[in-house]
Amino acid sequence: MSNLPSPNNNNNNNNNNSLTSPTSSRSVTETVNGSHKFVIQGYSLAKGMGVGKHIASENFTVGGYQWAIYFYPDGKNPEDNSTYVSVFIALASEGTDVRALFELTLVDQSGKGKHKVHSHFDRSLESGPYTLKYRGSMWGYKRFFRRAMLETSDFLKDDCLKINCTVGVVVSAIDCSRLHSIQVPESDIGAHFGMLFENEEGSDVIFDVSGEKFHAHKLVLAARSSIFEAELFDGIENDNHEIVVKDMEPKVFKALLHFIYRDTLIEEELFASSSSCMPSVFDTLAAKLLAAADKYELARLRLMCESLLCKDISVNSVAKILALAERYHAMDLKAVCLKFAAENLVAVMRSDGFEYLKENCPLLQSELLKTVAGCEEEFSGEGKSRSVWAQFSDGDDTNGRSVRQQTWECSNGGERSRSLWVQLSDGGDGSGRSARQHP
């Protein structure tokens, strides 16, 4: 008989060959959390703006979506007759069926810690997280706090309210990470180059800044800045071992070298102290370092300084910061200043900083006017109820007088609402009197 394999043996072999290692996966549903602090200064002035009208915080991003806090001084519900203030969290970007948890905290400013907290996070939800269907959907409370009680409580201090908000966006993902991993530490090349600068080992050039000497390395400076490269290797300073710097303070030059070697800023405390003690934004370390970054074409340092100066933008400072941004080619900072100034036009034009802008940077006024027109288009395009023009109290100026709208001709032939701009930019308030505030 022939020794042929039996059919049963073939099946057994096939079964053995088809066996593979089992696979696994895990679905993880969790929240991506983020918080925002909203300060409402001038609460008493916001009262009376009307039921259903709100003050909005700056948009903030959590879980890939933008959010905003809406505060209604006269309440959101007409039936309550302004008995309550209302607070809501709104989805401010495009989104469909965004699921999230929320927490609103009215801060007790007495220091007792008796905050008023409405939270989804610390209690089980019978129906799960709240679902926002589309952009503009909101979660919050029409009767957040009785207004008469609020105005005599510790939540209101110096005519100021503080509202903290936490949003937890629900996300689901398949966790396919490996069981074992090797952590790679952050780069420490900046620390090594920083030690090279501090120890002065191998230095081949000395900078004299107002009598203070700084030892450095030509190759490091040239690698970081094309301006230093041209000065140290191609220019008249090629053979010089000591270079006098005449247009910079020692602390600014030290901060410049710190960045060149370490790729970081010096301690933020130095920036904070300089901005709090100096009378003008031009005298802050951030502003002077921005000038140095522009001089030596250090784009990353310029952006770092722009970020610091951006945090100090206010009605009183924005005009001078805008002038700085224009002078030192800080385009991102300039764009933020223009937008902020356009959105707070009346108050900015009455500031001392705007007088400086008029006298020293007249071309920036026309750019600000174009930004105002752009904001008007943005508001009308998004269907918002209030725009830049609404700063003039829906047809009245800030002193209650009627304002007659005018128009101006754009370069493209279109018309934009100009209203009170020309009168205020010339120093008037719409009735022939000075628009600047006096103590």
Protein backbone atom coordinates (compact mmCIF):
# COMPACT_ATOMS: atom_id res chain seq x y z
CA MET A 1 0.00 0.00 0.00
CA SER A 2 1.16 3.50 -0.64
CA ASN A 3 1.98 5.65 2.37
CA LEU A 4 -0.21 8.68 1.54
CA PRO A 5 -1.06 11.18 4.27
CA SER A 6 -4.57 10.88 5.56
CA PRO A 7 -7.06 13.70 5.12
CA ASN A 8 -7.27 14.02 8.89
CA ASN A 9 -3.54 14.64 9.13
CA ASN A 10 -3.81 17.42 6.52
CA ASN A 11 -6.54 19.20 8.51
CA ASN A 12 -4.48 19.01 11.68
CA ASN A 13 -1.46 20.52 9.95
CA ASN A 14 -3.55 23.36 8.46
CA ASN A 15 -5.08 24.16 11.81
CA ASN A 16 -1.65 24.31 13.46
CA ASN A 17 -0.30 26.59 10.74
CA SER A 18 -3.24 29.05 10.99
CA LEU A 19 -2.85 29.71 14.70
CA THR A 20 -1.50 33.24 15.43
CA SER A 21 -0.85 35.25 18.54
CA PRO A 22 -3.98 36.88 19.97
CA THR A 23 -4.37 40.64 19.50
CA SER A 24 -5.95 43.14 21.82
CA SER A 25 -7.04 46.77 21.93
CA ARG A 26 -8.57 49.10 24.44
CA SER A 27 -11.01 51.95 23.99
CA VAL A 28 -10.40 54.83 26.38
CA THR A 29 -13.01 57.54 26.94
CA GLU A 30 -11.85 60.51 28.99
CA THR A 31 -12.05 64.26 29.22
CA VAL A 32 -9.55 66.81 27.94
CA ASN A 33 -9.78 69.58 30.53
CA GLY A 34 -8.96 73.26 30.34
CA SER A 35 -9.75 76.34 32.43
CA HIS A 36 -10.27 80.06 31.88
CA LYS A 37 -10.40 82.95 34.37
CA PHE A 38 -12.76 85.77 33.43
CA VAL A 39 -12.52 89.11 35.30
CA ILE A 40 -15.43 91.53 34.91
CA GLN A 41 -14.22 94.97 35.92
CA GLY A 42 -16.79 97.75 36.19
CA TYR A 43 -19.82 95.63 37.06
CA SER A 44 -21.95 98.64 38.01
CA LEU A 45 -21.38 100.19 34.58
CA ALA A 46 -22.45 96.97 32.85
CA LYS A 47 -25.84 96.98 34.60
CA GLY A 48 -28.65 98.30 32.47
CA MET A 49 -27.24 97.11 29.14
CA GLY A 50 -30.48 95.15 28.67
CA VAL A 51 -31.98 91.75 29.25
CA GLY A 52 -30.45 89.14 26.97
CA LYS A 53 -27.31 91.18 26.31
CA HIS A 54 -24.02 89.81 27.50
CA ILE A 55 -20.36 90.52 28.12
CA ALA A 56 -18.18 87.86 26.51
CA SER A 57 -14.78 86.63 27.60
CA GLU A 58 -11.94 86.08 25.16
CA ASN A 59 -12.28 82.76 23.34
CA PHE A 60 -10.22 79.93 24.83
CA THR A 61 -9.42 76.49 23.44
CA VAL A 62 -10.13 73.15 25.11
CA GLY A 63 -10.18 69.77 23.39
CA GLY A 64 -9.77 71.26 19.91
CA TYR A 65 -12.81 73.56 20.27
CA GLN A 66 -13.11 77.22 21.17
CA TRP A 67 -15.26 78.31 24.10
CA ALA A 68 -16.37 81.58 25.69
CA ILE A 69 -18.01 82.70 28.93
CA TYR A 70 -21.13 84.89 28.56
CA PHE A 71 -22.14 87.07 31.51
CA TYR A 72 -25.59 88.70 31.43
CA PRO A 73 -25.70 91.58 33.98
CA ASP A 74 -29.46 92.03 33.49
CA GLY A 75 -30.19 88.35 33.06
CA LYS A 76 -31.02 86.27 29.99
CA ASN A 77 -34.68 85.55 30.71
CA PRO A 78 -37.09 88.50 30.16
CA GLU A 79 -39.58 86.93 32.58
CA ASP A 80 -37.17 87.42 35.50
CA ASN A 81 -37.18 91.23 35.12
CA SER A 82 -33.42 91.50 35.78
CA THR A 83 -33.78 89.85 39.19
CA TYR A 84 -30.92 87.45 38.42
CA VAL A 85 -27.59 87.60 36.63
CA SER A 86 -27.04 84.81 34.11
CA VAL A 87 -23.81 82.99 33.25
CA PHE A 88 -23.29 80.56 30.36
CA ILE A 89 -20.45 78.71 28.64
CA ALA A 90 -20.82 78.79 24.85
CA LEU A 91 -19.30 76.72 22.06
CA ALA A 92 -17.57 79.44 20.01
CA SER A 93 -16.26 77.37 17.10
CA GLU A 94 -17.67 74.97 14.56
CA GLY A 95 -18.69 71.64 16.06
CA THR A 96 -21.46 69.07 16.01
CA ASP A 97 -22.68 67.11 19.03
CA VAL A 98 -19.73 68.14 21.19
CA ARG A 99 -20.00 66.29 24.52
CA ALA A 100 -18.51 68.01 27.56
CA LEU A 101 -18.56 68.51 31.31
CA PHE A 102 -18.62 72.01 32.78
CA GLU A 103 -17.85 73.86 35.97
CA LEU A 104 -18.59 77.50 36.78
CA THR A 105 -17.14 79.14 39.88
CA LEU A 106 -18.00 82.59 41.20
CA VAL A 107 -14.94 83.53 43.23
CA ASP A 108 -15.30 84.64 46.87
CA GLN A 109 -12.96 87.66 47.03
CA SER A 110 -12.97 87.91 50.82
CA GLY A 111 -10.33 85.20 51.17
CA LYS A 112 -12.70 82.89 53.04
CA GLY A 113 -12.83 80.43 50.15
CA LYS A 114 -16.63 80.24 50.10
CA HIS A 115 -16.89 80.13 46.32
CA LYS A 116 -20.17 79.45 44.54
CA VAL A 117 -19.55 76.36 42.39
CA HIS A 118 -21.76 74.68 39.80
CA SER A 119 -19.99 71.51 38.62
CA HIS A 120 -20.58 68.42 36.51
CA PHE A 121 -17.24 66.90 37.48
CA ASP A 122 -17.90 65.85 41.06
CA ARG A 123 -21.27 64.17 40.65
CA SER A 124 -22.61 61.29 38.58
CA LEU A 125 -24.69 62.28 35.59
CA GLU A 126 -27.84 60.33 34.99
CA SER A 127 -27.86 61.22 31.31
CA GLY A 128 -24.10 61.53 30.80
CA PRO A 129 -22.18 64.64 29.72
CA TYR A 130 -23.97 67.63 28.24
CA THR A 131 -24.17 67.69 24.42
CA LEU A 132 -23.80 70.93 22.48
CA LYS A 133 -25.39 70.51 19.08
CA TYR A 134 -23.73 73.29 17.11
CA ARG A 135 -21.77 76.54 17.28
CA GLY A 136 -23.48 78.95 19.65
CA SER A 137 -24.95 76.23 21.87
CA MET A 138 -24.64 77.09 25.55
CA TRP A 139 -24.71 75.53 28.99
CA GLY A 140 -25.27 77.56 32.11
CA TYR A 141 -27.76 79.17 34.43
CA LYS A 142 -30.38 81.81 33.68
CA ARG A 143 -30.73 82.29 37.43
CA PHE A 144 -27.08 82.06 38.35
CA PHE A 145 -27.30 84.48 41.28
CA ARG A 146 -29.91 86.90 42.61
CA ARG A 147 -28.60 90.31 41.65
CA ALA A 148 -29.55 92.16 44.86
CA MET A 149 -27.71 89.54 46.95
CA LEU A 150 -24.71 89.56 44.61
CA GLU A 151 -24.22 93.30 45.01
CA THR A 152 -23.94 93.02 48.80
CA SER A 153 -21.84 89.84 48.85
CA ASP A 154 -18.14 89.04 49.06
CA PHE A 155 -18.23 87.96 45.42
CA LEU A 156 -18.24 91.62 44.34
CA LYS A 157 -15.17 93.62 45.36
CA ASP A 158 -14.05 97.00 44.02
CA ASP A 159 -16.82 96.76 41.40
CA CYS A 160 -15.19 93.58 40.09
CA LEU A 161 -16.42 89.99 39.63
CA LYS A 162 -14.23 86.97 39.00
CA ILE A 163 -15.62 83.87 37.26
CA ASN A 164 -13.57 80.72 36.75
CA CYS A 165 -14.64 78.15 34.20
CA THR A 166 -13.50 74.58 33.53
CA VAL A 167 -14.50 72.65 30.42
CA GLY A 168 -13.90 68.91 30.02
CA VAL A 169 -14.38 67.76 26.42
CA VAL A 170 -15.20 64.07 26.14
CA VAL A 171 -12.93 62.19 23.71
CA SER A 172 -12.65 58.51 22.85
CA ALA A 173 -9.60 56.81 21.40
CA ILE A 174 -8.11 53.38 20.88
CA ASP A 175 -5.10 52.94 23.14
CA CYS A 176 -2.58 50.90 21.17
CA SER A 177 0.52 52.01 23.02
CA ARG A 178 3.17 49.40 23.76
CA LEU A 179 3.47 47.88 27.21
CA HIS A 180 7.05 49.10 27.52
CA SER A 181 8.64 52.34 26.40
CA ILE A 182 11.89 54.20 26.80
CA GLN A 183 11.72 57.82 27.83
CA VAL A 184 14.09 60.21 26.07
CA PRO A 185 14.95 63.28 28.18
CA GLU A 186 14.57 66.79 26.86
CA SER A 187 17.49 68.25 24.97
CA ASP A 188 20.15 69.74 27.25
CA ILE A 189 22.27 71.35 24.55
CA GLY A 190 21.17 74.78 25.82
CA ALA A 191 22.46 73.98 29.28
CA HIS A 192 25.84 72.90 27.87
CA PHE A 193 26.21 76.01 25.73
CA GLY A 194 25.08 78.08 28.71
CA MET A 195 27.92 76.68 30.80
CA LEU A 196 30.29 77.51 27.96
CA PHE A 197 29.13 81.12 28.13
CA GLU A 198 29.29 81.34 31.93
CA ASN A 199 32.74 79.71 32.22
CA GLU A 200 34.14 81.84 29.35
CA GLU A 201 36.24 78.84 28.31
CA GLY A 202 37.66 79.27 24.81
CA SER A 203 36.12 82.72 24.35
CA ASP A 204 37.68 84.75 21.54
CA VAL A 205 35.82 88.06 21.60
CA ILE A 206 34.94 90.59 24.32
CA PHE A 207 32.05 93.04 24.20
CA ASP A 208 32.31 96.28 26.17
CA VAL A 209 28.81 97.52 27.04
CA SER A 210 28.93 100.74 29.10
CA GLY A 211 32.08 99.51 30.81
CA GLU A 212 30.77 95.99 31.56
CA LYS A 213 32.69 93.23 29.76
CA PHE A 214 31.08 90.12 28.22
CA HIS A 215 33.21 87.23 26.92
CA ALA A 216 31.77 85.24 24.02
CA HIS A 217 32.59 82.90 21.14
CA LYS A 218 32.54 84.19 17.58
CA LEU A 219 31.42 80.86 16.07
CA VAL A 220 28.44 80.59 18.42
CA LEU A 221 27.33 84.16 17.71
CA ALA A 222 27.78 83.72 13.97
CA ALA A 223 25.82 80.45 13.96
CA ARG A 224 22.88 82.14 15.68
CA SER A 225 22.82 85.53 13.95
CA SER A 226 23.66 86.48 10.39
CA ILE A 227 24.32 90.04 11.61
CA PHE A 228 26.97 88.83 14.06
CA GLU A 229 28.40 86.62 11.33
CA ALA A 230 28.81 89.59 9.00
CA GLU A 231 30.31 91.79 11.74
CA LEU A 232 32.71 89.20 13.16
CA PHE A 233 33.94 87.47 10.00
CA ASP A 234 33.24 89.73 7.04
CA GLY A 235 33.27 93.26 8.51
CA ILE A 236 35.70 95.62 10.14
CA GLU A 237 35.42 93.77 13.46
CA ASN A 238 37.05 90.67 11.97
CA ASP A 239 40.39 91.13 13.70
CA ASN A 240 39.11 92.87 16.80
CA HIS A 241 39.11 90.94 20.06
CA GLU A 242 37.20 93.67 21.92
CA ILE A 243 34.11 95.37 20.51
CA VAL A 244 32.33 98.37 22.02
CA VAL A 245 28.52 98.24 21.96
CA LYS A 246 27.13 101.75 22.24
CA ASP A 247 23.38 101.41 21.71
CA MET A 248 22.41 98.86 24.37
CA GLU A 249 22.30 98.54 28.15
CA PRO A 250 24.39 95.82 29.84
CA LYS A 251 21.34 93.97 31.19
CA VAL A 252 19.79 93.88 27.72
CA PHE A 253 23.00 92.62 26.09
CA LYS A 254 23.34 89.98 28.80
CA ALA A 255 19.76 88.83 28.11
CA LEU A 256 20.59 88.75 24.40
CA LEU A 257 23.63 86.52 24.96
CA HIS A 258 21.64 84.33 27.36
CA PHE A 259 19.17 83.63 24.55
CA ILE A 260 21.90 83.05 21.96
CA TYR A 261 23.59 80.40 24.09
CA ARG A 262 20.60 78.82 25.86
CA ASP A 263 17.70 79.51 23.46
CA THR A 264 15.62 80.69 26.43
CA LEU A 265 14.79 83.96 28.12
CA ILE A 266 16.31 84.98 31.40
CA GLU A 267 14.19 84.54 34.51
CA GLU A 268 10.69 85.87 33.97
CA GLU A 269 10.92 87.67 37.31
CA LEU A 270 13.31 90.16 35.75
CA PHE A 271 10.80 90.91 33.03
CA ALA A 272 7.97 91.24 35.54
CA SER A 273 9.90 93.58 37.80
CA SER A 274 10.97 95.79 34.93
CA SER A 275 7.44 96.16 33.63
CA SER A 276 5.95 96.93 37.03
CA CYS A 277 8.45 99.62 38.06
CA MET A 278 9.01 101.46 34.81
CA PRO A 279 6.68 104.33 33.88
CA SER A 280 6.51 103.46 30.19
CA VAL A 281 6.31 100.31 28.12
CA PHE A 282 9.29 101.60 26.12
CA ASP A 283 11.47 101.23 29.24
CA THR A 284 10.65 97.58 29.93
CA LEU A 285 13.24 94.87 29.41
CA ALA A 286 10.90 93.07 27.00
CA ALA A 287 10.70 96.17 24.77
CA LYS A 288 14.47 96.73 24.80
CA LEU A 289 15.14 93.07 24.10
CA LEU A 290 12.68 93.24 21.19
CA ALA A 291 14.82 96.04 19.75
CA ALA A 292 17.94 93.89 20.17
CA ALA A 293 16.24 90.92 18.51
CA ASP A 294 15.33 93.12 15.56
CA LYS A 295 18.85 94.54 15.31
CA TYR A 296 20.49 91.10 15.21
CA GLU A 297 17.68 89.41 13.22
CA LEU A 298 16.83 86.80 15.88
CA ALA A 299 13.33 85.78 14.81
CA ARG A 300 12.64 83.39 17.70
CA LEU A 301 13.71 85.93 20.32
CA ARG A 302 11.54 88.52 18.64
CA LEU A 303 8.51 86.22 18.97
CA MET A 304 9.31 85.54 22.63
CA CYS A 305 9.36 89.28 23.32
CA GLU A 306 6.15 89.74 21.35
CA SER A 307 4.51 87.09 23.53
CA LEU A 308 5.60 88.90 26.71
CA LEU A 309 4.44 92.29 25.48
CA CYS A 310 1.15 90.80 24.32
CA LYS A 311 0.32 89.93 27.94
CA ASP A 312 0.61 93.62 28.89
CA ILE A 313 -1.83 94.92 26.26
CA SER A 314 -4.51 97.14 27.78
CA VAL A 315 -6.53 100.18 26.76
CA ASN A 316 -3.81 102.47 28.10
CA SER A 317 -0.81 100.57 26.73
CA VAL A 318 -1.95 99.22 23.36
CA ALA A 319 -1.11 102.34 21.33
CA LYS A 320 2.52 102.44 22.50
CA ILE A 321 2.93 98.67 22.14
CA LEU A 322 1.56 99.03 18.59
CA ALA A 323 4.21 101.67 17.90
CA LEU A 324 6.90 99.31 19.24
CA ALA A 325 5.62 96.47 17.07
CA GLU A 326 5.73 98.69 13.99
CA ARG A 327 9.22 99.98 14.73
CA TYR A 328 10.77 96.57 15.31
CA HIS A 329 8.87 94.55 12.67
CA ALA A 330 6.90 92.51 15.23
CA MET A 331 4.10 91.55 12.88
CA ASP A 332 2.21 89.13 15.15
CA LEU A 333 2.18 91.64 17.99
CA LYS A 334 1.10 94.38 15.61
CA ALA A 335 -1.88 92.32 14.42
CA VAL A 336 -3.00 91.64 18.00
CA CYS A 337 -2.69 95.33 18.91
CA LEU A 338 -4.68 96.47 15.89
CA LYS A 339 -7.48 94.02 16.61
CA PHE A 340 -7.60 94.92 20.32
CA ALA A 341 -7.58 98.65 19.56
CA ALA A 342 -10.36 98.24 16.99
CA GLU A 343 -12.51 96.29 19.43
CA ASN A 344 -11.99 98.92 22.16
CA LEU A 345 -11.82 101.93 19.88
CA VAL A 346 -13.41 104.67 21.97
CA ALA A 347 -11.42 103.97 25.12
CA VAL A 348 -8.13 103.60 23.23
CA MET A 349 -8.59 106.89 21.37
CA ARG A 350 -9.01 108.68 24.70
CA SER A 351 -5.77 107.34 26.13
CA ASP A 352 -2.49 109.23 26.34
CA GLY A 353 -0.88 106.47 24.30
CA PHE A 354 -3.08 107.33 21.34
CA GLU A 355 -1.78 110.90 21.44
CA TYR A 356 1.72 109.45 21.09
CA LEU A 357 0.54 107.35 18.16
CA LYS A 358 -0.97 110.37 16.41
CA GLU A 359 2.21 112.41 16.79
CA ASN A 360 4.78 109.73 15.95
CA CYS A 361 3.07 107.04 13.83
CA PRO A 362 0.35 108.70 11.74
CA LEU A 363 0.32 105.89 9.17
CA LEU A 364 -0.75 103.43 11.84
CA GLN A 365 -4.00 105.37 12.25
CA SER A 366 -5.07 104.45 8.73
CA GLU A 367 -4.17 100.81 9.39
CA LEU A 368 -6.30 100.93 12.53
CA LEU A 369 -9.19 102.35 10.51
CA LYS A 370 -8.93 99.45 8.04
CA THR A 371 -8.91 97.02 10.96
CA VAL A 372 -12.07 98.64 12.31
CA ALA A 373 -13.72 98.13 8.93
CA GLY A 374 -12.53 94.51 8.91
CA CYS A 375 -14.00 93.93 12.35
CA GLU A 376 -17.32 95.36 11.15
CA GLU A 377 -17.32 92.85 8.28
CA GLU A 378 -16.41 90.00 10.64
CA PHE A 379 -19.21 90.83 13.04
CA SER A 380 -21.78 91.22 10.29
CA GLY A 381 -20.59 88.04 8.57
CA GLU A 382 -21.00 86.01 11.77
CA GLY A 383 -24.44 87.46 12.46
CA LYS A 384 -23.43 88.89 15.82
CA SER A 385 -25.73 91.42 17.36
CA ARG A 386 -23.04 93.89 18.42
CA SER A 387 -20.00 95.14 16.51
CA VAL A 388 -17.23 97.68 16.79
CA TRP A 389 -19.83 100.36 16.11
CA ALA A 390 -21.71 99.16 19.19
CA GLN A 391 -18.93 100.76 21.26
CA PHE A 392 -20.69 104.02 20.53
CA SER A 393 -23.78 102.75 22.40
CA ASP A 394 -25.92 101.90 19.39
CA GLY A 395 -26.09 105.43 17.99
CA ASP A 396 -25.16 107.48 21.07
CA ASP A 397 -21.72 108.59 22.13
CA THR A 398 -20.44 107.89 25.62
CA ASN A 399 -21.97 111.13 26.91
CA GLY A 400 -25.47 110.26 25.70
CA ARG A 401 -25.51 112.58 22.66
CA SER A 402 -26.80 111.41 19.31
CA VAL A 403 -24.14 110.37 16.81
CA ARG A 404 -24.71 110.77 13.10
CA GLN A 405 -23.03 108.05 11.05
CA GLN A 406 -20.79 109.09 8.18
CA THR A 407 -19.13 107.02 5.46
CA TRP A 408 -15.70 106.88 3.94
CA GLU A 409 -14.59 105.66 0.56
CA CYS A 410 -12.33 102.60 0.42
CA SER A 411 -9.63 102.10 -2.18
CA ASN A 412 -11.71 99.32 -3.72
CA GLY A 413 -14.70 101.60 -4.17
CA GLY A 414 -16.76 100.16 -1.30
CA GLU A 415 -18.09 102.06 1.68
CA ARG A 416 -17.52 101.31 5.33
CA SER A 417 -19.11 102.77 8.43
CA ARG A 418 -16.79 105.41 9.81
CA SER A 419 -19.11 107.15 12.30
CA LEU A 420 -17.20 108.88 15.07
CA TRP A 421 -13.65 108.02 13.94
CA VAL A 422 -12.63 111.28 12.29
CA GLN A 423 -14.04 113.43 15.06
CA LEU A 424 -12.33 111.40 17.80
CA SER A 425 -9.03 111.09 15.94
CA ASP A 426 -8.97 114.87 15.70
CA GLY A 427 -9.48 115.09 19.46
CA GLY A 428 -13.26 115.59 19.57
CA ASP A 429 -16.01 113.54 21.13
CA GLY A 430 -18.62 114.18 18.48
CA SER A 431 -19.86 117.50 19.87
CA GLY A 432 -16.79 119.65 19.41
CA ARG A 433 -15.35 119.00 22.86
CA SER A 434 -12.15 117.20 23.73
CA ALA A 435 -12.47 113.39 23.82
CA ARG A 436 -9.56 112.84 26.19
CA GLN A 437 -10.40 112.11 29.77
CA HIS A 438 -9.15 114.48 32.42
CA PRO A 439 -8.69 113.73 36.08
